[in-house]
Amino acid sequence: MVIFEELLNKTMGMDAASIGPSMIRRAVSERSAACQCADLATYWDFVSQSPTELQQLIEAVVVPETWFFRDREAFATLARVAVQQWWPAHPEKVLRLLSLPCSTGEEPFTMVMALQDAGLPLSKFRVDAFDISERALVIARRGIYGKNSFRGKDVVFRDRFFEPHEGAHRLSESVRSQVRFEQGNMLHPGFLSGAETYDIIFCRNVLIYFDRPTQERAIALLSRLLAPGGILFVGPSESGLLLSHGFASAKIPLAFAFKKETPAVPVVKAPPREAIVRRPVFVPPVRLGMASRPAVKTVLPQQAAVATSHPLEAATRLADQGRLGEAGVLCAAYMKTHGPSAQVYYLMGLIHDAAGELDEAIGDYRKALYLNPSHHESLLHLAFILEKQGNASGAQVLRNRARRL
């Protein structure tokens, strides 16, 4: 089975450990049976010489897990940045957006809906969407989706942008026409070579499937494709990876948005301490009745931003910036004061997940689900870790629970 894992790694960058060997074993067995091969050796000879069958094996391995408005804050941020910042600064230009990989289309179509709802004219933006799976692209181009693509309680957008169609929902032509779908492998040396850069890129929850060298290749590609001042959106578990590869957090809570780091500005040295003239300042005592006025505590700007926001929001902001230790301290302090909750355990799970501490992350996600069995994101993140560790059946049980929600 190792040779198949190496083939998939070479072709699409997939790290077998990221999805679990059982997933690859299942896909290889299915395709070997479909090709009527007597054994795996016969199938290896066939797939290693047939680009068509290699694509079918890739299709069997790729399991789309996406839905409309997944991680809503990312799309809310997209809308705010586009309408309040980009449009006023570029009245004559067209906003260029990229969804990579786009899977079955829910993400790029959500980008369109979010921008339409925000008031950006259709003539002012265009979305390019690429995926390695032609099967997924067929679904995306059709624009017809079942209930699994509409998750959560807030699905009012469905009434505005979809119409009923044979037990499912068909997306409006105005949304579908804004997205250009193409098959493409982001790891191919010639992928989007010479292409114009993009103002907004969504590349979420894919880097975690790559090994370290492939992650570096992918991030180099994203850096090349992102325009100066542009924003890259990634998945919650990928923040630390971006921070260590020349990106800086956009500092927007729960958006997991990043910009390319700008060159450091030369620091002008301050004059020597003895050259600073210090004038004595007399501060008269202030009395309120018999009591003296309490001393004013000096708070640095960065501390003030954390102190004036909700503790969990502040912890999320710190985690988004890669300051995982500080975020964990805030979560622990919050629990000590307010007691445990599903949301704080979920956030601690994300922090441990991003730090690579999977056993701790599993414990946090399970505690979140104990307190709130319907915590959708905890179900999905826990399922992903279990699948990565080879527990495919346990992961499927959790995903089925998430779908029923």
Protein backbone atom coordinates (compact mmCIF):
# COMPACT_ATOMS: atom_id res chain seq x y z
CA MET A 1 0.00 0.00 0.00
CA VAL A 2 3.00 2.27 0.51
CA ILE A 3 3.60 2.63 -3.22
CA PHE A 4 0.04 3.94 -3.67
CA GLU A 5 0.56 6.41 -0.84
CA GLU A 6 3.75 7.62 -2.52
CA LEU A 7 1.96 7.94 -5.86
CA LEU A 8 -0.80 10.08 -4.37
CA ASN A 9 1.74 12.17 -2.51
CA LYS A 10 3.70 12.81 -5.69
CA THR A 11 0.58 13.57 -7.73
CA MET A 12 -1.53 15.64 -5.35
CA GLY A 13 0.68 16.22 -2.32
CA MET A 14 -1.50 14.16 -0.01
CA ASP A 15 0.13 13.01 3.20
CA ALA A 16 -1.30 9.57 4.00
CA ALA A 17 -1.08 10.29 7.72
CA SER A 18 -3.36 13.31 7.32
CA ILE A 19 -6.37 11.26 6.20
CA GLY A 20 -5.44 7.87 7.63
CA PRO A 21 -4.11 4.84 5.72
CA SER A 22 -7.56 3.22 5.88
CA MET A 23 -9.00 5.85 3.52
CA ILE A 24 -6.34 5.17 0.89
CA ARG A 25 -6.69 1.42 1.37
CA ARG A 26 -10.45 1.68 0.79
CA ALA A 27 -10.01 3.82 -2.34
CA VAL A 28 -7.39 1.49 -3.84
CA SER A 29 -9.56 -1.57 -3.15
CA GLU A 30 -12.60 0.05 -4.76
CA ARG A 31 -10.72 1.08 -7.90
CA SER A 32 -8.92 -2.27 -8.17
CA ALA A 33 -12.28 -4.05 -8.08
CA ALA A 34 -13.79 -1.60 -10.58
CA CYS A 35 -10.93 -2.32 -12.99
CA GLN A 36 -11.34 -6.08 -12.46
CA CYS A 37 -7.71 -6.48 -11.41
CA ALA A 38 -6.78 -9.83 -9.89
CA ASP A 39 -4.60 -8.29 -7.18
CA LEU A 40 -3.04 -5.00 -6.09
CA ALA A 41 0.15 -5.67 -8.06
CA THR A 42 -1.91 -5.86 -11.27
CA TYR A 43 -3.75 -2.69 -10.35
CA TRP A 44 -0.45 -0.90 -9.62
CA ASP A 45 0.83 -1.76 -13.11
CA PHE A 46 -2.40 -0.40 -14.57
CA VAL A 47 -2.76 2.83 -12.58
CA SER A 48 0.91 3.76 -12.92
CA GLN A 49 0.54 3.70 -16.73
CA SER A 50 -2.97 5.15 -17.11
CA PRO A 51 -3.51 8.89 -16.44
CA THR A 52 -7.25 8.28 -16.70
CA GLU A 53 -7.25 5.65 -13.96
CA LEU A 54 -4.94 7.76 -11.82
CA GLN A 55 -7.55 10.52 -11.99
CA GLN A 56 -10.22 7.99 -10.96
CA LEU A 57 -8.11 6.97 -7.96
CA ILE A 58 -7.75 10.62 -7.00
CA GLU A 59 -11.53 11.03 -7.28
CA ALA A 60 -12.00 8.06 -4.94
CA VAL A 61 -9.63 9.54 -2.36
CA VAL A 62 -11.05 13.07 -2.44
CA VAL A 63 -14.11 13.23 -0.20
CA PRO A 64 -15.75 16.70 -0.34
CA GLU A 65 -16.69 18.10 3.06
CA THR A 66 -18.09 21.57 2.49
CA TRP A 67 -21.30 23.59 2.72
CA PHE A 68 -22.57 27.10 2.11
CA PHE A 69 -21.33 29.82 4.50
CA ARG A 70 -18.99 27.47 6.32
CA ASP A 71 -17.16 29.63 8.91
CA ARG A 72 -19.39 32.66 8.41
CA GLU A 73 -16.97 35.23 9.80
CA ALA A 74 -14.62 34.67 6.85
CA PHE A 75 -17.37 35.65 4.41
CA ALA A 76 -18.52 38.56 6.57
CA THR A 77 -14.92 39.79 6.54
CA LEU A 78 -14.73 39.35 2.77
CA ALA A 79 -17.84 41.50 2.33
CA ARG A 80 -16.63 44.25 4.68
CA VAL A 81 -13.17 44.46 3.11
CA ALA A 82 -14.54 44.46 -0.44
CA VAL A 83 -17.20 47.14 0.07
CA GLN A 84 -15.65 49.37 2.73
CA GLN A 85 -11.98 49.24 1.76
CA TRP A 86 -11.28 47.81 -1.69
CA TRP A 87 -14.12 49.39 -3.69
CA PRO A 88 -13.54 53.01 -2.57
CA ALA A 89 -9.81 52.62 -3.26
CA HIS A 90 -10.29 50.97 -6.70
CA PRO A 91 -13.44 52.45 -8.30
CA GLU A 92 -12.34 51.53 -11.82
CA LYS A 93 -11.07 47.99 -11.17
CA VAL A 94 -12.64 44.54 -10.95
CA LEU A 95 -12.08 42.60 -7.71
CA ARG A 96 -10.34 39.30 -8.47
CA LEU A 97 -11.08 36.35 -6.18
CA LEU A 98 -9.77 32.78 -6.15
CA SER A 99 -11.19 29.65 -4.52
CA LEU A 100 -8.54 26.90 -4.36
CA PRO A 101 -9.50 24.10 -4.17
CA CYS A 102 -13.18 24.83 -4.75
CA SER A 103 -14.57 21.29 -4.26
CA THR A 104 -18.24 21.10 -5.28
CA GLY A 105 -18.67 24.86 -5.48
CA GLU A 106 -20.23 25.86 -2.17
CA GLU A 107 -17.31 28.09 -1.20
CA PRO A 108 -16.97 30.20 -4.38
CA PHE A 109 -20.74 30.53 -4.67
CA THR A 110 -20.88 31.71 -1.05
CA MET A 111 -18.28 34.35 -1.91
CA VAL A 112 -20.61 35.63 -4.63
CA MET A 113 -23.68 35.64 -2.39
CA ALA A 114 -21.83 37.45 0.40
CA LEU A 115 -20.64 40.16 -1.98
CA GLN A 116 -24.08 40.54 -3.56
CA ASP A 117 -25.71 40.89 -0.15
CA ALA A 118 -23.10 43.53 0.76
CA GLY A 119 -24.06 45.61 -2.28
CA LEU A 120 -21.04 45.07 -4.53
CA PRO A 121 -22.27 45.17 -8.16
CA LEU A 122 -21.78 41.98 -10.17
CA SER A 123 -19.72 43.95 -12.68
CA LYS A 124 -17.17 44.75 -9.97
CA PHE A 125 -15.94 41.24 -9.16
CA ARG A 126 -15.15 37.84 -10.62
CA VAL A 127 -14.36 34.49 -8.96
CA ASP A 128 -12.01 31.86 -10.40
CA ALA A 129 -12.37 28.37 -8.90
CA PHE A 130 -10.06 25.38 -9.39
CA ASP A 131 -10.13 21.80 -8.17
CA ILE A 132 -8.27 18.61 -8.99
CA SER A 133 -11.51 16.60 -9.01
CA GLU A 134 -13.50 16.71 -12.23
CA ARG A 135 -16.33 14.88 -10.47
CA ALA A 136 -16.61 17.72 -7.96
CA LEU A 137 -16.54 20.31 -10.73
CA VAL A 138 -19.44 18.62 -12.52
CA ILE A 139 -21.54 19.12 -9.39
CA ALA A 140 -20.35 22.71 -9.05
CA ARG A 141 -21.23 23.61 -12.65
CA ARG A 142 -24.72 22.13 -12.29
CA GLY A 143 -25.42 24.32 -9.26
CA ILE A 144 -27.98 21.92 -7.76
CA TYR A 145 -27.56 21.06 -4.07
CA GLY A 146 -29.20 18.84 -1.47
CA LYS A 147 -29.78 19.46 2.21
CA ASN A 148 -26.21 18.49 3.18
CA SER A 149 -24.99 21.73 1.60
CA PHE A 150 -27.27 23.81 3.85
CA ARG A 151 -26.17 23.43 7.46
CA GLY A 152 -26.89 25.40 10.58
CA LYS A 153 -30.01 27.31 11.50
CA ASP A 154 -29.48 30.40 9.35
CA VAL A 155 -30.30 29.39 5.78
CA VAL A 156 -32.41 32.40 4.81
CA PHE A 157 -30.03 32.98 1.90
CA ARG A 158 -31.55 29.91 0.27
CA ASP A 159 -34.84 31.75 -0.31
CA ARG A 160 -33.02 34.62 -2.03
CA PHE A 161 -30.60 32.74 -4.26
CA PHE A 162 -32.12 29.28 -4.89
CA GLU A 163 -35.27 27.76 -6.32
CA PRO A 164 -36.70 24.29 -5.58
CA HIS A 165 -35.64 21.64 -8.07
CA GLU A 166 -36.68 17.97 -7.88
CA GLY A 167 -36.27 17.66 -4.12
CA ALA A 168 -33.13 19.80 -4.09
CA HIS A 169 -32.29 23.47 -4.74
CA ARG A 170 -30.94 25.08 -7.91
CA LEU A 171 -28.72 28.14 -7.58
CA SER A 172 -29.72 31.27 -9.50
CA GLU A 173 -28.04 32.00 -12.80
CA SER A 174 -26.83 35.40 -11.53
CA VAL A 175 -24.68 33.66 -8.92
CA ARG A 176 -23.52 30.78 -11.10
CA SER A 177 -22.39 33.08 -13.90
CA GLN A 178 -19.99 34.91 -11.57
CA VAL A 179 -17.76 31.85 -11.08
CA ARG A 180 -15.41 30.34 -13.64
CA PHE A 181 -14.68 26.68 -12.80
CA GLU A 182 -11.62 24.87 -14.15
CA GLN A 183 -9.82 21.67 -13.35
CA GLY A 184 -6.31 22.22 -12.08
CA ASN A 185 -3.68 20.77 -9.79
CA MET A 186 -2.20 23.49 -7.59
CA LEU A 187 0.99 21.43 -7.22
CA HIS A 188 1.64 21.20 -10.94
CA PRO A 189 4.74 23.28 -11.83
CA GLY A 190 2.84 25.23 -14.50
CA PHE A 191 -0.31 25.93 -12.48
CA LEU A 192 -1.49 29.51 -13.17
CA SER A 193 1.93 30.38 -14.49
CA GLY A 194 2.01 34.03 -15.49
CA ALA A 195 -1.52 34.62 -14.20
CA GLU A 196 -2.63 37.98 -12.88
CA THR A 197 -2.62 38.15 -9.09
CA TYR A 198 -5.73 37.93 -6.93
CA ASP A 199 -7.03 40.41 -4.36
CA ILE A 200 -8.73 37.70 -2.28
CA ILE A 201 -7.79 34.02 -2.03
CA PHE A 202 -9.67 31.32 -0.15
CA CYS A 203 -7.50 28.24 0.40
CA ARG A 204 -9.02 26.64 3.46
CA ASN A 205 -8.51 23.24 5.08
CA VAL A 206 -6.24 21.86 2.37
CA LEU A 207 -2.72 22.64 3.63
CA ILE A 208 -3.30 20.32 6.59
CA TYR A 209 -3.49 17.37 4.17
CA PHE A 210 0.03 18.02 2.81
CA ASP A 211 3.39 16.96 4.17
CA ARG A 212 5.89 19.68 5.11
CA PRO A 213 7.68 20.04 1.73
CA THR A 214 4.35 20.15 -0.10
CA GLN A 215 3.01 22.74 2.32
CA GLU A 216 5.98 24.95 1.53
CA ARG A 217 5.38 24.59 -2.22
CA ALA A 218 1.69 25.41 -1.80
CA ILE A 219 2.36 28.46 0.37
CA ALA A 220 4.93 29.73 -2.15
CA LEU A 221 2.24 29.43 -4.84
CA LEU A 222 -0.30 31.31 -2.73
CA SER A 223 2.23 34.04 -2.02
CA ARG A 224 2.91 34.41 -5.74
CA LEU A 225 -0.79 34.59 -6.60
CA LEU A 226 -1.76 37.04 -3.84
CA ALA A 227 -1.68 40.70 -4.87
CA PRO A 228 0.09 43.27 -2.67
CA GLY A 229 -2.32 44.18 0.11
CA GLY A 230 -4.49 41.16 -0.70
CA ILE A 231 -5.99 38.80 1.87
CA LEU A 232 -5.58 35.02 2.14
CA PHE A 233 -8.17 33.03 4.08
CA VAL A 234 -7.15 29.63 5.50
CA GLY A 235 -8.61 27.08 7.90
CA PRO A 236 -8.47 27.41 11.70
CA SER A 237 -5.75 24.75 12.03
CA GLU A 238 -3.52 26.38 9.41
CA SER A 239 -2.87 29.75 11.07
CA GLY A 240 0.46 28.79 12.65
CA LEU A 241 1.70 27.48 9.31
CA LEU A 242 1.08 30.82 7.57
CA LEU A 243 2.73 32.82 10.36
CA SER A 244 5.94 30.84 9.94
CA HIS A 245 6.05 31.41 6.16
CA GLY A 246 6.09 35.16 5.61
CA PHE A 247 2.46 36.01 6.36
CA ALA A 248 1.00 38.21 9.09
CA SER A 249 -2.43 37.97 10.65
CA ALA A 250 -5.02 40.47 9.41
CA LYS A 251 -6.11 40.57 13.07
CA ILE A 252 -9.78 39.90 12.41
CA PRO A 253 -11.26 37.49 15.00
CA LEU A 254 -12.55 34.15 13.66
CA ALA A 255 -11.75 35.05 10.02
CA PHE A 256 -8.33 33.32 9.91
CA ALA A 257 -7.24 35.91 7.38
CA PHE A 258 -3.63 36.77 6.51
CA LYS A 259 -1.61 39.26 4.51
CA LYS A 260 1.91 39.05 3.18
CA GLU A 261 4.35 40.61 5.60
CA THR A 262 5.63 44.02 4.57
CA PRO A 263 9.36 44.85 4.80
CA ALA A 264 10.32 46.19 8.18
CA VAL A 265 10.62 49.96 8.45
CA PRO A 266 14.09 51.08 9.61
CA VAL A 267 14.02 52.00 13.27
CA VAL A 268 15.20 55.52 14.09
CA LYS A 269 17.29 55.42 17.23
CA ALA A 270 16.14 57.60 20.09
CA PRO A 271 18.57 60.21 21.46
CA PRO A 272 20.67 59.20 24.46
CA ARG A 273 18.85 59.34 27.76
CA GLU A 274 21.04 62.20 29.01
CA ALA A 275 20.01 64.33 26.00
CA ILE A 276 16.33 64.21 26.92
CA VAL A 277 15.28 67.26 28.90
CA ARG A 278 12.90 66.23 31.63
CA ARG A 279 10.83 68.96 33.18
CA PRO A 280 9.37 68.41 36.60
CA VAL A 281 5.60 68.14 36.56
CA PHE A 282 3.56 69.05 39.60
CA VAL A 283 0.42 66.97 40.01
CA PRO A 284 -1.86 68.37 42.66
CA PRO A 285 -3.58 65.82 44.87
CA VAL A 286 -7.23 65.20 44.01
CA ARG A 287 -9.61 64.40 46.81
CA LEU A 288 -13.09 62.98 46.63
CA GLY A 289 -14.46 63.67 50.06
CA MET A 290 -12.00 62.06 52.48
CA ALA A 291 -10.56 59.58 49.95
CA SER A 292 -7.71 60.17 47.53
CA ARG A 293 -8.33 59.53 43.81
CA PRO A 294 -7.21 56.02 42.87
CA ALA A 295 -4.06 55.73 40.78
CA VAL A 296 -4.59 55.29 37.04
CA LYS A 297 -3.16 52.03 35.71
CA THR A 298 -1.16 52.38 32.51
CA VAL A 299 -2.32 49.95 29.82
CA LEU A 300 -0.37 49.41 26.63
CA PRO A 301 -2.44 49.63 23.38
CA GLN A 302 -2.13 45.91 22.72
CA GLN A 303 -3.19 45.10 26.27
CA ALA A 304 -6.10 47.51 25.98
CA ALA A 305 -7.41 45.73 22.88
CA VAL A 306 -7.51 42.46 24.79
CA ALA A 307 -8.80 43.96 28.01
CA THR A 308 -11.77 45.74 26.42
CA SER A 309 -13.06 42.78 24.38
CA HIS A 310 -14.85 39.63 25.46
CA PRO A 311 -12.28 37.15 26.88
CA LEU A 312 -13.09 34.42 24.36
CA GLU A 313 -13.01 36.90 21.48
CA ALA A 314 -9.62 38.11 22.72
CA ALA A 315 -8.39 34.50 22.99
CA THR A 316 -9.55 33.84 19.45
CA ARG A 317 -7.71 36.91 18.22
CA LEU A 318 -4.50 35.79 19.92
CA ALA A 319 -4.82 32.28 18.47
CA ASP A 320 -5.43 33.76 15.03
CA GLN A 321 -2.12 35.63 15.42
CA GLY A 322 -0.30 32.43 16.35
CA ARG A 323 0.03 33.39 20.02
CA LEU A 324 -1.31 30.04 21.14
CA GLY A 325 0.14 30.07 24.66
CA GLU A 326 -1.43 33.43 25.49
CA ALA A 327 -4.75 32.32 24.02
CA GLY A 328 -4.70 29.20 26.20
CA VAL A 329 -4.02 31.28 29.30
CA LEU A 330 -7.05 33.47 28.56
CA CYS A 331 -9.26 30.41 28.07
CA ALA A 332 -8.10 28.91 31.37
CA ALA A 333 -8.74 32.21 33.17
CA TYR A 334 -12.19 32.46 31.59
CA MET A 335 -13.14 28.96 32.77
CA LYS A 336 -11.90 29.70 36.27
CA THR A 337 -14.19 32.74 36.44
CA HIS A 338 -17.21 31.63 34.40
CA GLY A 339 -17.02 27.86 34.52
CA PRO A 340 -16.76 25.41 31.61
CA SER A 341 -18.72 25.81 28.40
CA ALA A 342 -18.83 24.13 25.00
CA GLN A 343 -17.48 27.23 23.28
CA VAL A 344 -14.42 27.61 25.50
CA TYR A 345 -13.57 23.90 25.19
CA TYR A 346 -13.99 24.15 21.40
CA LEU A 347 -11.61 27.12 21.31
CA MET A 348 -9.09 25.24 23.48
CA GLY A 349 -9.42 22.34 21.06
CA LEU A 350 -8.55 24.63 18.16
CA ILE A 351 -5.54 25.95 20.05
CA HIS A 352 -4.20 22.45 20.83
CA ASP A 353 -5.06 21.33 17.29
CA ALA A 354 -3.03 24.19 15.77
CA ALA A 355 -0.13 23.38 18.10
CA GLY A 356 -0.13 19.74 16.97
CA GLU A 357 -1.23 18.49 20.41
CA LEU A 358 -3.86 16.14 19.05
CA ASP A 359 -4.56 14.13 22.21
CA GLU A 360 -5.30 17.33 24.13
CA ALA A 361 -7.43 18.59 21.23
CA ILE A 362 -9.46 15.37 21.22
CA GLY A 363 -10.12 15.75 24.93
CA ASP A 364 -11.26 19.36 24.49
CA TYR A 365 -13.59 18.57 21.59
CA ARG A 366 -15.12 15.67 23.54
CA LYS A 367 -15.72 17.94 26.54
CA ALA A 368 -17.38 20.49 24.26
CA LEU A 369 -19.67 17.77 22.90
CA TYR A 370 -20.44 16.53 26.42
CA LEU A 371 -21.70 20.01 27.31
CA ASN A 372 -23.37 20.56 23.93
CA PRO A 373 -23.91 17.38 21.87
CA SER A 374 -25.02 19.56 18.93
CA HIS A 375 -21.81 21.63 18.72
CA HIS A 376 -21.36 21.29 14.97
CA GLU A 377 -17.76 22.47 14.59
CA SER A 378 -16.51 20.28 17.44
CA LEU A 379 -18.06 17.26 15.71
CA LEU A 380 -16.27 18.04 12.45
CA HIS A 381 -12.86 18.83 13.95
CA LEU A 382 -12.96 15.73 16.13
CA ALA A 383 -13.96 13.62 13.14
CA PHE A 384 -10.99 14.94 11.18
CA ILE A 385 -8.51 14.04 13.93
CA LEU A 386 -9.96 10.56 14.39
CA GLU A 387 -9.75 9.95 10.65
CA LYS A 388 -6.14 11.15 10.67
CA GLN A 389 -5.38 8.62 13.42
CA GLY A 390 -6.92 5.77 11.42
CA ASN A 391 -10.30 5.60 13.17
CA ALA A 392 -12.40 5.92 10.03
CA SER A 393 -15.54 4.38 11.56
CA GLY A 394 -15.46 6.73 14.55
CA ALA A 395 -14.97 9.70 12.23
CA GLN A 396 -17.93 8.63 10.09
CA VAL A 397 -20.20 8.37 13.12
CA LEU A 398 -19.36 11.96 14.06
CA ARG A 399 -19.85 13.23 10.51
CA ASN A 400 -23.24 11.54 10.35
CA ARG A 401 -24.20 13.31 13.58
CA ALA A 402 -23.08 16.62 12.11
CA ARG A 403 -25.12 16.05 8.96
CA ARG A 404 -28.27 15.26 10.97
CA LEU A 405 -27.93 18.67 12.64
